Amino acid sequence: MVPLLALAHAPEPGHDVLLLGEATAEQTPQRACPPEVLARHQEVLNVPAPPEGWSGEPQAIDVFGVFTGEVRISHGNRQICGNMHDARTRDSRFRAGIGMVVVPKAGDHEPIVVSWTTPLKAYWIPTVRLGAPSPVQQNDTARLLVRVSCISVAIALALSALMGYVTAKDRSFLIYVAVCLVFVLWQAVLSGLSGYPEPWLPVYESAAWWQVGLSAVTLGILLPVLWRLNGGDRLWPRSRLAQQLVLWSGVTAALCVPWLGTGGLAWLADVMEHVFQLGSIVCLGVGLWALRRRDYYALAGLLALLPWWVMMLADLVQAQWLIAYRIEALQLSATWFLMMSAYALNLRLGRLRQQRDEMRQLADTDGLTGLPNRRAGLRLLARHLDRPSHEQQPLVIGFLDIDLFKDINDQFGHEAGDQVLVAVARALRAAVRTQDHVVRMGGEEFLILLPGANPAAARTRLESVRQQVAAVSPTLGLDGLALTASIGLAVWRPGHDDLAGLLRRADHAMYCAKRAGRNQVYDAESGTAPDPMPPA
């Protein structure tokens, strides 16, 4: 077998380098500018030379912010045509835009000509950057990094939500995954990354249709989610139908896009813009109203709205930075929206876990005394018994029953009986160690778990418990009340006792204590009651 390392050429002696690849005769791909492409170029820009003519140094020209169609750049007898959705047609030195480096002769005055198709929106115009190759290419690379990073964050958020679904089994996480994937597709088409390094979406000459269609779907998702993030569904629970109407309207509009002409696409794009503006105003009002009502979860929605409002205000004043960096601004706003949605989703997961813990606590807690109930107590006992042999420790349990509790209820009433149970539970908690457990098994019966206690120490502690119960009577203020308790003690015998057997022996010992005269601790092992401790 040939070792895997032998597949690579080992460096030559004395050269600390690894050479990969080989020389090629393949020519750099060039996009021809056929007449039918140039016929669609209604917009032409002549970039003039300086008054003294070109300097003779290389000039880089980068055209970005082109949402649809091809761009032609020409100077003299050299021209290129590039498409944002097919990286194979573009100069490899420019990835966020369509660029070219030319070297005009010194003193030459011939302009650089740029032409493109009229945009769908009047102010969604391309930006042309001219300058030395290095800074122009660095700016282009920075744009590419922003675009790729935004898509990468969306994919990472989707994967994180998928793991959240595995943990929580909440379908909201799957819905969020679907939202992230839609936004990934929308950003890929918006930024031209659908064609990088080669086309992986069939956009081709239908970029405008793809952008408007995916924008309709994202708008149908964006507004309902912003409504929820700002507390709309908490203030008006019946708004779910309206949210679904907005969502399916966006999907329906997207399905109609393939049958629209350029004019129809421009009209639909304008309608969606106005709908989004109106929806943003409504969501902002709802978020502020929810915040006024101390619904602080709405902060996530207001933060999610922030970049969109910055963009709308910048559009209103026709800010130059937004015209130049519109694609990056849209992607960053969408990424921020997804991050705020993920934050709200994590808050939801936290609330679900808190509710689950509270429900579990309620299910495991006796409502009257606040002690663990029978189910929780049996689970605690099983946990001690199921430990591996090297972790096992001595365990003694005491089964306590309040003597003549039925007579207490008959004489003083059930309300007084409840007071007795609460007071006894409080006394039991105070009489045991931190690592011990007191459980209400039901009625007037309690279970005391003493892990780590040797039998002699356990007998002493249970006798102290018995005395603490007897000391409760004066604190209740019920004339004639004399509380006593009978306790059955059982020591766990590893290899001989299972859970049921251990409880059965303790229960039997408790009944032996009652038959022996009540108000005593009876040891299931010796069959005798220990000598009572002197009163404290």
Protein backbone atom coordinates (compact mmCIF):
# COMPACT_ATOMS: atom_id res chain seq x y z
CA MET A 1 0.00 0.00 0.00
CA VAL A 2 1.31 3.49 -0.90
CA PRO A 3 1.54 5.69 2.20
CA LEU A 4 -0.81 8.67 2.16
CA LEU A 5 2.08 11.06 2.67
CA ALA A 6 3.67 9.79 -0.52
CA LEU A 7 0.87 11.40 -2.52
CA ALA A 8 2.49 14.80 -1.96
CA HIS A 9 5.92 15.63 -3.31
CA ALA A 10 8.43 15.81 -0.48
CA PRO A 11 10.34 19.09 -0.28
CA GLU A 12 13.71 19.07 -1.93
CA PRO A 13 16.67 18.91 0.44
CA GLY A 14 17.62 22.36 1.65
CA HIS A 15 14.23 23.91 0.71
CA ASP A 16 11.69 24.38 3.50
CA VAL A 17 8.69 24.62 1.18
CA LEU A 18 5.94 22.45 -0.26
CA LEU A 19 5.12 23.06 -3.93
CA LEU A 20 1.62 22.08 -5.03
CA GLY A 21 -0.05 22.32 -8.43
CA GLU A 22 1.52 22.51 -11.84
CA ALA A 23 1.91 24.86 -14.77
CA THR A 24 -1.14 25.33 -16.96
CA ALA A 25 -1.88 26.41 -20.50
CA GLU A 26 -5.50 27.28 -19.66
CA GLN A 27 -6.43 30.84 -20.62
CA THR A 28 -8.11 33.22 -18.19
CA PRO A 29 -11.88 33.10 -18.77
CA GLN A 30 -13.16 36.18 -20.55
CA ARG A 31 -16.77 37.24 -20.92
CA ALA A 32 -17.50 38.39 -24.40
CA CYS A 33 -19.84 41.35 -24.80
CA PRO A 34 -22.38 40.15 -27.35
CA PRO A 35 -24.64 42.73 -29.03
CA GLU A 36 -27.77 41.43 -27.24
CA VAL A 37 -26.12 42.14 -23.87
CA LEU A 38 -24.98 45.60 -24.88
CA ALA A 39 -28.45 46.36 -26.25
CA ARG A 40 -29.83 46.13 -22.71
CA HIS A 41 -27.31 48.63 -21.33
CA GLN A 42 -29.30 51.82 -21.12
CA GLU A 43 -26.98 53.43 -18.56
CA VAL A 44 -23.50 54.61 -19.64
CA LEU A 45 -20.82 56.37 -17.61
CA ASN A 46 -17.69 57.88 -19.13
CA VAL A 47 -14.97 58.10 -16.49
CA PRO A 48 -12.84 60.96 -17.80
CA ALA A 49 -9.09 61.23 -17.59
CA PRO A 50 -7.57 64.00 -15.46
CA PRO A 51 -7.13 67.34 -17.29
CA GLU A 52 -3.45 66.57 -17.86
CA GLY A 53 -4.29 63.07 -19.11
CA TRP A 54 -3.69 59.68 -17.55
CA SER A 55 -0.45 59.33 -15.61
CA GLY A 56 0.56 56.05 -17.23
CA GLU A 57 0.18 54.16 -13.96
CA PRO A 58 -2.25 51.21 -13.61
CA GLN A 59 -5.82 52.28 -12.90
CA ALA A 60 -8.27 49.93 -11.14
CA ILE A 61 -11.97 50.43 -11.66
CA ASP A 62 -14.49 48.46 -9.60
CA VAL A 63 -18.26 48.53 -10.15
CA PHE A 64 -20.39 47.27 -7.26
CA GLY A 65 -23.96 47.56 -6.06
CA VAL A 66 -25.19 46.08 -9.33
CA PHE A 67 -28.18 43.93 -8.46
CA THR A 68 -29.09 42.56 -11.89
CA GLY A 69 -27.67 42.18 -15.35
CA GLU A 70 -24.15 42.45 -16.70
CA VAL A 71 -21.68 45.30 -16.50
CA ARG A 72 -19.32 46.31 -19.28
CA ILE A 73 -16.04 48.08 -18.63
CA SER A 74 -14.01 49.19 -21.62
CA HIS A 75 -11.00 51.30 -22.42
CA GLY A 76 -9.62 51.57 -25.91
CA ASN A 77 -9.88 48.23 -27.64
CA ARG A 78 -10.09 46.30 -24.36
CA GLN A 79 -13.42 45.51 -22.77
CA ILE A 80 -14.90 42.98 -20.34
CA CYS A 81 -18.44 42.04 -19.44
CA GLY A 82 -19.07 40.59 -15.99
CA ASN A 83 -22.06 39.12 -14.19
CA MET A 84 -22.33 39.21 -10.41
CA HIS A 85 -23.99 35.77 -10.46
CA ASP A 86 -21.21 33.98 -12.34
CA ALA A 87 -17.75 34.54 -10.87
CA ARG A 88 -16.21 32.84 -13.90
CA THR A 89 -17.00 35.95 -15.96
CA ARG A 90 -15.16 38.37 -13.69
CA ASP A 91 -11.60 39.37 -13.07
CA SER A 92 -10.34 37.16 -10.23
CA ARG A 93 -8.91 40.23 -8.46
CA PHE A 94 -12.45 41.54 -7.87
CA ARG A 95 -15.00 39.36 -6.05
CA ALA A 96 -17.52 41.75 -4.51
CA GLY A 97 -17.83 43.76 -7.71
CA ILE A 98 -16.97 43.71 -11.39
CA GLY A 99 -13.58 45.27 -11.96
CA MET A 100 -10.71 45.69 -14.33
CA VAL A 101 -7.20 47.09 -14.21
CA VAL A 102 -6.16 49.20 -17.19
CA VAL A 103 -2.88 50.94 -17.96
CA PRO A 104 -3.60 54.00 -20.11
CA LYS A 105 -0.72 55.62 -21.87
CA ALA A 106 0.75 58.69 -20.20
CA GLY A 107 -1.06 61.81 -21.39
CA ASP A 108 -3.90 59.80 -22.95
CA HIS A 109 -7.37 61.35 -22.51
CA GLU A 110 -9.53 58.45 -23.63
CA PRO A 111 -12.15 57.80 -20.92
CA ILE A 112 -12.97 54.51 -19.26
CA VAL A 113 -16.52 53.55 -20.25
CA VAL A 114 -18.88 51.71 -17.91
CA SER A 115 -22.37 50.61 -18.93
CA TRP A 116 -25.12 48.63 -17.21
CA THR A 117 -28.83 47.86 -17.27
CA THR A 118 -31.25 50.35 -15.71
CA PRO A 119 -31.90 49.27 -12.10
CA LEU A 120 -35.36 48.28 -10.90
CA LYS A 121 -35.32 51.14 -8.40
CA ALA A 122 -34.22 54.65 -9.30
CA TYR A 123 -31.91 55.05 -6.31
CA TRP A 124 -30.55 51.47 -6.24
CA ILE A 125 -27.70 52.64 -8.42
CA PRO A 126 -24.26 51.09 -8.85
CA THR A 127 -21.13 52.66 -7.37
CA VAL A 128 -17.95 53.03 -9.39
CA ARG A 129 -14.63 53.21 -7.55
CA LEU A 130 -11.49 54.36 -9.37
CA GLY A 131 -7.98 54.39 -7.98
CA ALA A 132 -4.73 52.53 -7.53
CA PRO A 133 -5.15 48.74 -7.79
CA SER A 134 -4.12 47.95 -4.21
CA PRO A 135 -6.64 50.10 -2.24
CA VAL A 136 -9.45 49.39 -4.71
CA GLN A 137 -8.86 45.65 -4.48
CA GLN A 138 -8.57 45.82 -0.70
CA ASN A 139 -11.94 47.57 -0.50
CA ASP A 140 -13.41 44.91 -2.77
CA THR A 141 -11.97 42.15 -0.56
CA ALA A 142 -13.38 43.78 2.58
CA ARG A 143 -16.83 43.78 0.98
CA LEU A 144 -16.48 40.12 0.12
CA LEU A 145 -15.50 39.29 3.71
CA VAL A 146 -18.57 41.11 5.06
CA ARG A 147 -20.88 39.29 2.64
CA VAL A 148 -19.39 35.87 3.32
CA SER A 149 -19.37 36.49 7.08
CA CYS A 150 -23.06 37.39 7.13
CA ILE A 151 -23.99 34.19 5.32
CA SER A 152 -21.67 32.18 7.56
CA VAL A 153 -23.31 33.61 10.69
CA ALA A 154 -26.75 32.72 9.35
CA ILE A 155 -25.64 29.13 8.69
CA ALA A 156 -24.06 28.90 12.15
CA LEU A 157 -27.27 30.19 13.77
CA ALA A 158 -29.27 27.59 11.83
CA LEU A 159 -27.00 24.77 13.04
CA SER A 160 -27.21 26.06 16.62
CA ALA A 161 -31.01 26.13 16.42
CA LEU A 162 -31.00 22.60 15.03
CA MET A 163 -29.07 21.44 18.10
CA GLY A 164 -31.52 23.39 20.25
CA TYR A 165 -34.38 21.44 18.69
CA VAL A 166 -32.64 18.17 19.51
CA THR A 167 -32.44 19.33 23.14
CA ALA A 168 -35.83 20.99 23.60
CA LYS A 169 -37.97 19.21 20.99
CA ASP A 170 -39.66 22.58 20.34
CA ARG A 171 -40.71 23.09 16.72
CA SER A 172 -39.98 26.83 17.04
CA PHE A 173 -36.32 25.90 16.56
CA LEU A 174 -37.10 24.12 13.28
CA ILE A 175 -39.06 27.16 12.09
CA TYR A 176 -36.05 29.31 12.93
CA VAL A 177 -33.78 26.96 10.94
CA ALA A 178 -36.06 27.39 7.92
CA VAL A 179 -36.00 31.19 8.36
CA CYS A 180 -32.19 31.18 8.44
CA LEU A 181 -32.00 29.10 5.25
CA VAL A 182 -34.36 31.46 3.43
CA PHE A 183 -32.22 34.41 4.49
CA VAL A 184 -29.08 32.56 3.35
CA LEU A 185 -30.56 32.14 -0.15
CA TRP A 186 -31.73 35.74 -0.23
CA GLN A 187 -28.30 37.04 0.80
CA ALA A 188 -26.55 34.76 -1.68
CA VAL A 189 -28.56 36.19 -4.57
CA LEU A 190 -28.36 39.75 -3.23
CA SER A 191 -24.56 39.67 -2.88
CA GLY A 192 -23.75 37.64 -5.98
CA LEU A 193 -22.34 34.79 -3.91
CA SER A 194 -24.84 32.51 -5.65
CA GLY A 195 -22.27 32.50 -8.45
CA TYR A 196 -19.10 32.08 -6.38
CA PRO A 197 -16.83 30.30 -7.13
CA GLU A 198 -19.19 28.86 -9.73
CA PRO A 199 -22.98 29.24 -10.05
CA TRP A 200 -24.72 26.94 -7.53
CA LEU A 201 -28.14 28.55 -7.99
CA PRO A 202 -29.77 28.79 -11.45
CA VAL A 203 -29.90 32.60 -11.33
CA TYR A 204 -28.20 33.40 -14.65
CA GLU A 205 -30.13 36.17 -16.45
CA SER A 206 -33.08 35.99 -14.01
CA ALA A 207 -31.37 37.75 -11.11
CA ALA A 208 -34.10 40.40 -10.85
CA TRP A 209 -36.82 37.73 -10.60
CA TRP A 210 -34.83 35.81 -7.97
CA GLN A 211 -34.19 38.92 -5.90
CA VAL A 212 -37.78 40.14 -5.94
CA GLY A 213 -39.17 36.65 -5.29
CA LEU A 214 -36.85 35.91 -2.38
CA SER A 215 -37.39 39.45 -1.05
CA ALA A 216 -41.14 38.78 -1.02
CA VAL A 217 -40.64 35.59 1.01
CA THR A 218 -38.21 37.26 3.45
CA LEU A 219 -40.62 40.17 3.88
CA GLY A 220 -43.44 37.72 4.61
CA ILE A 221 -41.23 36.20 7.32
CA LEU A 222 -39.59 39.37 8.61
CA LEU A 223 -42.72 41.35 9.53
CA PRO A 224 -44.48 38.59 11.54
CA VAL A 225 -41.26 37.78 13.41
CA LEU A 226 -40.66 41.46 14.20
CA TRP A 227 -44.28 41.67 15.39
CA ARG A 228 -43.69 38.75 17.76
CA LEU A 229 -40.31 40.00 18.95
CA ASN A 230 -41.90 43.34 19.85
CA GLY A 231 -44.60 41.64 21.91
CA GLY A 232 -47.47 41.92 19.43
CA ASP A 233 -48.69 38.36 19.97
CA ARG A 234 -48.53 38.84 23.76
CA LEU A 235 -50.56 42.07 23.61
CA TRP A 236 -53.01 40.75 21.00
CA PRO A 237 -53.07 36.92 21.03
CA ARG A 238 -55.68 36.90 18.26
CA SER A 239 -53.22 38.48 15.80
CA ARG A 240 -51.93 35.04 14.72
CA LEU A 241 -54.31 35.05 11.73
CA ALA A 242 -52.99 38.42 10.55
CA GLN A 243 -49.41 37.16 10.88
CA GLN A 244 -50.20 34.12 8.77
CA LEU A 245 -51.90 36.36 6.20
CA VAL A 246 -48.72 38.46 5.87
CA LEU A 247 -46.57 35.33 5.55
CA TRP A 248 -48.70 33.68 2.87
CA SER A 249 -49.11 36.97 1.01
CA GLY A 250 -45.32 37.13 0.69
CA VAL A 251 -45.15 33.51 -0.49
CA THR A 252 -47.97 34.11 -3.00
CA ALA A 253 -46.25 37.23 -4.36
CA ALA A 254 -43.04 35.21 -4.78
CA LEU A 255 -44.89 32.51 -6.71
CA CYS A 256 -46.30 35.16 -9.07
CA VAL A 257 -42.89 36.70 -9.80
CA PRO A 258 -41.93 34.39 -12.75
CA TRP A 259 -44.91 35.74 -14.75
CA LEU A 260 -44.05 39.41 -14.22
CA GLY A 261 -42.18 41.59 -16.66
CA THR A 262 -39.59 44.18 -15.70
CA GLY A 263 -42.27 46.80 -15.08
CA GLY A 264 -44.22 44.39 -12.87
CA LEU A 265 -41.09 43.55 -10.90
CA ALA A 266 -40.38 47.24 -10.30
CA TRP A 267 -43.98 47.80 -9.17
CA LEU A 268 -43.89 44.82 -6.80
CA ALA A 269 -40.53 45.96 -5.38
CA ASP A 270 -41.99 49.41 -4.65
CA VAL A 271 -45.08 47.87 -3.02
CA MET A 272 -42.92 45.64 -0.80
CA GLU A 273 -40.82 48.63 0.24
CA HIS A 274 -43.89 50.58 1.33
CA VAL A 275 -45.33 47.54 3.11
CA PHE A 276 -42.08 47.09 4.99
CA GLN A 277 -41.98 50.74 5.99
CA LEU A 278 -45.56 50.58 7.26
CA GLY A 279 -44.89 47.29 9.07
CA SER A 280 -41.77 48.73 10.70
CA ILE A 281 -43.75 51.70 11.99
CA VAL A 282 -46.43 49.40 13.42
CA CYS A 283 -43.86 47.08 15.03
CA LEU A 284 -42.01 50.03 16.54
CA GLY A 285 -45.23 51.35 18.07
CA VAL A 286 -46.11 47.90 19.44
CA GLY A 287 -42.63 47.43 20.88
CA LEU A 288 -42.70 50.80 22.66
CA TRP A 289 -46.20 50.08 24.01
CA ALA A 290 -45.09 46.63 25.25
CA LEU A 291 -42.04 48.19 26.89
CA ARG A 292 -44.28 50.73 28.62
CA ARG A 293 -46.28 47.81 30.01
CA ARG A 294 -43.01 46.40 31.44
CA ASP A 295 -42.74 43.65 28.84
CA TYR A 296 -38.96 43.75 28.69
CA TYR A 297 -38.82 40.86 26.23
CA ALA A 298 -39.83 43.48 23.62
CA LEU A 299 -36.31 44.96 23.87
CA ALA A 300 -35.10 42.22 21.52
CA GLY A 301 -37.67 43.34 18.94
CA LEU A 302 -36.75 47.01 19.24
CA LEU A 303 -33.07 46.14 18.83
CA ALA A 304 -33.90 43.99 15.80
CA LEU A 305 -35.69 46.98 14.24
CA LEU A 306 -32.80 49.40 14.86
CA PRO A 307 -30.65 48.79 11.73
CA TRP A 308 -33.71 48.74 9.47
CA TRP A 309 -34.76 52.14 10.81
CA VAL A 310 -31.24 53.48 10.30
CA MET A 311 -31.40 52.34 6.67
CA MET A 312 -34.85 53.86 6.11
CA LEU A 313 -33.74 57.22 7.55
CA ALA A 314 -30.56 57.08 5.46
CA ASP A 315 -32.68 56.40 2.37
CA LEU A 316 -34.85 59.38 3.25
CA VAL A 317 -31.86 61.75 3.18
CA GLN A 318 -30.19 59.81 0.32
CA ALA A 319 -27.07 59.15 2.39
CA GLN A 320 -24.07 58.42 0.19
CA TRP A 321 -22.77 55.64 2.44
CA LEU A 322 -25.99 53.68 2.01
CA ILE A 323 -25.88 54.06 -1.77
CA ALA A 324 -22.29 52.79 -1.79
CA TYR A 325 -22.75 49.98 0.73
CA ARG A 326 -26.42 49.03 0.32
CA ILE A 327 -25.78 45.31 -0.15
CA GLU A 328 -23.56 45.10 2.91
CA ALA A 329 -26.04 47.20 4.94
CA LEU A 330 -28.91 44.89 3.98
CA GLN A 331 -26.91 41.80 4.87
CA LEU A 332 -25.72 43.20 8.18
CA SER A 333 -29.28 44.24 9.08
CA ALA A 334 -30.58 40.77 8.21
CA THR A 335 -27.81 39.13 10.23
CA TRP A 336 -28.55 41.36 13.23
CA PHE A 337 -32.25 40.43 12.89
CA LEU A 338 -31.38 36.72 12.91
CA MET A 339 -29.15 37.20 15.97
CA MET A 340 -31.91 39.02 17.88
CA SER A 341 -34.33 36.27 16.86
CA ALA A 342 -31.87 33.67 18.16
CA TYR A 343 -31.59 35.63 21.41
CA ALA A 344 -35.39 35.65 21.77
CA LEU A 345 -35.45 31.95 20.95
CA ASN A 346 -32.92 31.25 23.69
CA LEU A 347 -35.04 33.28 26.10
CA ARG A 348 -37.98 31.11 25.09
CA LEU A 349 -35.89 28.01 25.72
CA GLY A 350 -34.96 29.39 29.14
CA ARG A 351 -38.62 30.02 29.96
CA LEU A 352 -39.54 26.52 28.82
CA ARG A 353 -36.85 25.03 31.03
CA GLN A 354 -37.96 27.18 33.95
CA GLN A 355 -41.59 26.11 33.47
CA ARG A 356 -40.51 22.49 33.20
CA ASP A 357 -38.47 22.78 36.39
CA GLU A 358 -41.35 24.49 38.16
CA MET A 359 -43.78 21.80 37.03
CA ARG A 360 -41.35 19.11 38.10
CA GLN A 361 -40.92 20.87 41.44
CA LEU A 362 -44.69 21.04 41.87
CA ALA A 363 -45.05 17.40 40.90
CA ASP A 364 -42.37 16.35 43.39
CA THR A 365 -43.40 18.58 46.30
CA ASP A 366 -46.10 18.04 48.89
CA GLY A 367 -48.37 21.04 48.65
CA LEU A 368 -49.11 21.28 52.38
CA THR A 369 -45.73 20.79 54.04
CA GLY A 370 -43.34 21.74 51.22
CA LEU A 371 -41.47 18.46 51.69
CA PRO A 372 -40.67 16.10 48.83
CA ASN A 373 -43.68 13.87 48.20
CA ARG A 374 -43.80 10.08 48.00
CA ARG A 375 -42.75 9.93 44.35
CA ALA A 376 -39.75 12.21 44.87
CA GLY A 377 -38.81 10.35 48.06
CA LEU A 378 -38.82 6.98 46.37
CA ARG A 379 -36.68 8.42 43.58
CA LEU A 380 -34.18 9.76 46.13
CA LEU A 381 -34.08 6.39 47.88
CA ALA A 382 -33.62 4.55 44.56
CA ARG A 383 -30.76 6.90 43.67
CA HIS A 384 -28.93 5.92 46.86
CA LEU A 385 -29.52 2.23 46.30
CA ASP A 386 -28.47 2.31 42.62
CA ARG A 387 -25.07 3.86 43.16
CA PRO A 388 -22.07 1.82 42.00
CA SER A 389 -20.50 -0.32 44.67
CA HIS A 390 -17.45 1.96 45.02
CA GLU A 391 -19.76 4.93 45.75
CA GLN A 392 -22.08 3.18 48.16
CA GLN A 393 -22.24 4.43 51.72
CA PRO A 394 -24.18 3.34 54.80
CA LEU A 395 -27.87 4.19 54.70
CA VAL A 396 -30.44 4.17 57.46
CA ILE A 397 -34.09 5.09 56.98
CA GLY A 398 -36.71 5.96 59.53
CA PHE A 399 -40.43 5.49 58.89
CA LEU A 400 -42.32 7.97 61.12
CA ASP A 401 -46.04 7.96 61.85
CA ILE A 402 -47.80 10.54 64.06
CA ASP A 403 -49.60 8.65 66.79
CA LEU A 404 -53.42 8.80 66.96
CA PHE A 405 -53.59 11.41 64.21
CA LYS A 406 -57.21 10.49 63.44
CA ASP A 407 -58.15 11.37 67.01
CA ILE A 408 -56.43 14.76 66.58
CA ASN A 409 -58.54 15.47 63.50
CA ASP A 410 -61.72 14.34 65.26
CA GLN A 411 -61.01 16.38 68.41
CA PHE A 412 -59.51 19.59 67.00
CA GLY A 413 -60.68 19.55 63.37
CA HIS A 414 -58.97 18.99 60.05
CA GLU A 415 -57.58 22.52 59.94
CA ALA A 416 -55.75 21.87 63.20
CA GLY A 417 -54.60 18.54 61.75
CA ASP A 418 -53.03 20.41 58.82
CA GLN A 419 -51.28 22.74 61.29
CA VAL A 420 -49.89 19.71 63.07
CA LEU A 421 -48.52 18.26 59.82
CA VAL A 422 -46.88 21.54 58.88
CA ALA A 423 -45.34 21.97 62.33
CA VAL A 424 -44.07 18.38 62.40
CA ALA A 425 -42.53 18.80 58.92
CA ARG A 426 -40.76 21.94 60.11
CA ALA A 427 -39.47 20.14 63.20
CA LEU A 428 -38.20 17.21 61.12
CA ARG A 429 -36.28 19.49 58.77
CA ALA A 430 -34.68 21.24 61.73
CA ALA A 431 -33.71 17.96 63.41
CA VAL A 432 -31.72 16.39 60.54
CA ARG A 433 -28.46 17.20 58.81
CA THR A 434 -28.15 19.04 55.51
CA GLN A 435 -27.40 15.83 53.61
CA ASP A 436 -30.39 14.02 55.15
CA HIS A 437 -33.82 13.95 53.50
CA VAL A 438 -37.30 14.21 54.97
CA VAL A 439 -40.20 13.01 52.79
CA ARG A 440 -43.94 13.09 53.34
CA MET A 441 -45.16 9.68 52.25
CA GLY A 442 -48.82 10.58 52.63
CA GLY A 443 -51.30 11.26 55.42
CA GLU A 444 -49.42 11.40 58.72
CA GLU A 445 -46.47 9.27 57.53
CA PHE A 446 -42.97 10.63 56.92
CA LEU A 447 -39.77 8.99 55.65
CA ILE A 448 -36.35 10.10 56.89
CA LEU A 449 -33.25 9.17 54.85
CA LEU A 450 -29.93 9.25 56.71
CA PRO A 451 -27.15 8.54 54.17
CA GLY A 452 -23.67 8.01 55.54
CA ALA A 453 -24.86 7.51 59.14
CA ASN A 454 -23.81 4.40 61.02
CA PRO A 455 -26.62 2.53 62.83
CA ALA A 456 -25.71 3.81 66.30
CA ALA A 457 -25.60 7.46 65.19
CA ALA A 458 -28.82 6.97 63.25
CA ARG A 459 -30.63 5.61 66.29
CA THR A 460 -29.51 8.60 68.32
CA ARG A 461 -30.63 11.03 65.59
CA LEU A 462 -34.06 9.40 65.19
CA GLU A 463 -34.57 9.48 68.93
CA SER A 464 -33.82 13.20 68.79
CA VAL A 465 -36.38 13.51 65.98
CA ARG A 466 -38.97 11.78 68.15
CA GLN A 467 -38.35 14.26 70.93
CA GLN A 468 -38.57 17.20 68.51
CA VAL A 469 -42.01 16.00 67.42
CA ALA A 470 -43.14 15.81 71.03
CA ALA A 471 -41.88 19.36 71.58
CA VAL A 472 -44.17 20.70 68.84
CA SER A 473 -47.36 20.42 70.96
CA PRO A 474 -46.87 23.57 73.12
CA THR A 475 -46.13 25.72 70.04
CA LEU A 476 -49.54 25.11 68.48
CA GLY A 477 -51.63 26.51 71.31
CA LEU A 478 -54.19 23.67 71.26
CA ASP A 479 -55.27 22.75 74.76
CA GLY A 480 -55.02 19.05 75.44
CA LEU A 481 -52.85 18.32 72.41
CA ALA A 482 -50.02 15.85 73.09
CA LEU A 483 -48.10 14.92 69.97
CA THR A 484 -46.05 11.75 69.81
CA ALA A 485 -44.56 9.74 66.94
CA SER A 486 -43.65 6.11 66.37
CA ILE A 487 -40.55 5.54 64.22
CA GLY A 488 -39.39 2.34 62.56
CA LEU A 489 -35.65 2.16 61.87
CA ALA A 490 -34.11 -0.03 59.14
CA VAL A 491 -30.50 -0.30 58.01
CA TRP A 492 -29.85 -1.02 54.33
CA ARG A 493 -28.18 -4.36 53.73
CA PRO A 494 -26.48 -4.25 50.30
CA GLY A 495 -27.07 -7.45 48.41
CA HIS A 496 -30.07 -8.38 50.56
CA ASP A 497 -32.46 -5.40 50.37
CA ASP A 498 -34.07 -3.84 47.37
CA LEU A 499 -36.09 -0.63 47.66
CA ALA A 500 -39.38 -2.37 48.44
CA GLY A 501 -37.76 -4.73 50.93
CA LEU A 502 -36.03 -1.89 52.82
CA LEU A 503 -39.26 0.13 53.04
CA ARG A 504 -41.19 -2.96 54.13
CA ARG A 505 -38.80 -3.61 57.03
CA ALA A 506 -38.95 0.04 58.15
CA ASP A 507 -42.74 0.06 57.92
CA HIS A 508 -42.93 -3.18 59.89
CA ALA A 509 -40.63 -1.71 62.56
CA MET A 510 -42.88 1.34 62.81
CA TYR A 511 -45.94 -0.86 63.49
CA CYS A 512 -43.90 -2.78 66.07
CA ALA A 513 -43.22 0.57 67.80
CA LYS A 514 -46.95 1.27 67.87
CA ARG A 515 -47.78 -2.17 69.27
CA ALA A 516 -45.06 -1.70 71.89
CA GLY A 517 -46.82 1.40 73.22
CA ARG A 518 -46.15 4.18 70.64
CA ASN A 519 -43.86 7.22 71.08
CA GLN A 520 -40.64 5.29 70.50
CA VAL A 521 -38.05 4.29 67.89
CA TYR A 522 -38.09 0.58 67.01
CA ASP A 523 -35.02 -1.02 65.41
CA ALA A 524 -35.86 -3.56 62.71
CA GLU A 525 -32.43 -5.15 63.09
CA SER A 526 -32.40 -5.83 66.85
CA GLY A 527 -36.17 -6.03 67.24
CA THR A 528 -36.00 -3.65 70.20
CA ALA A 529 -36.55 -0.01 70.93
CA PRO A 530 -33.37 1.82 71.96
CA ASP A 531 -33.12 3.43 75.30
CA PRO A 532 -34.79 6.80 75.15
CA MET A 533 -32.54 9.84 75.31
CA PRO A 534 -32.88 12.11 78.31
CA PRO A 535 -34.94 15.17 77.48
CA ALA A 536 -32.95 18.17 76.34
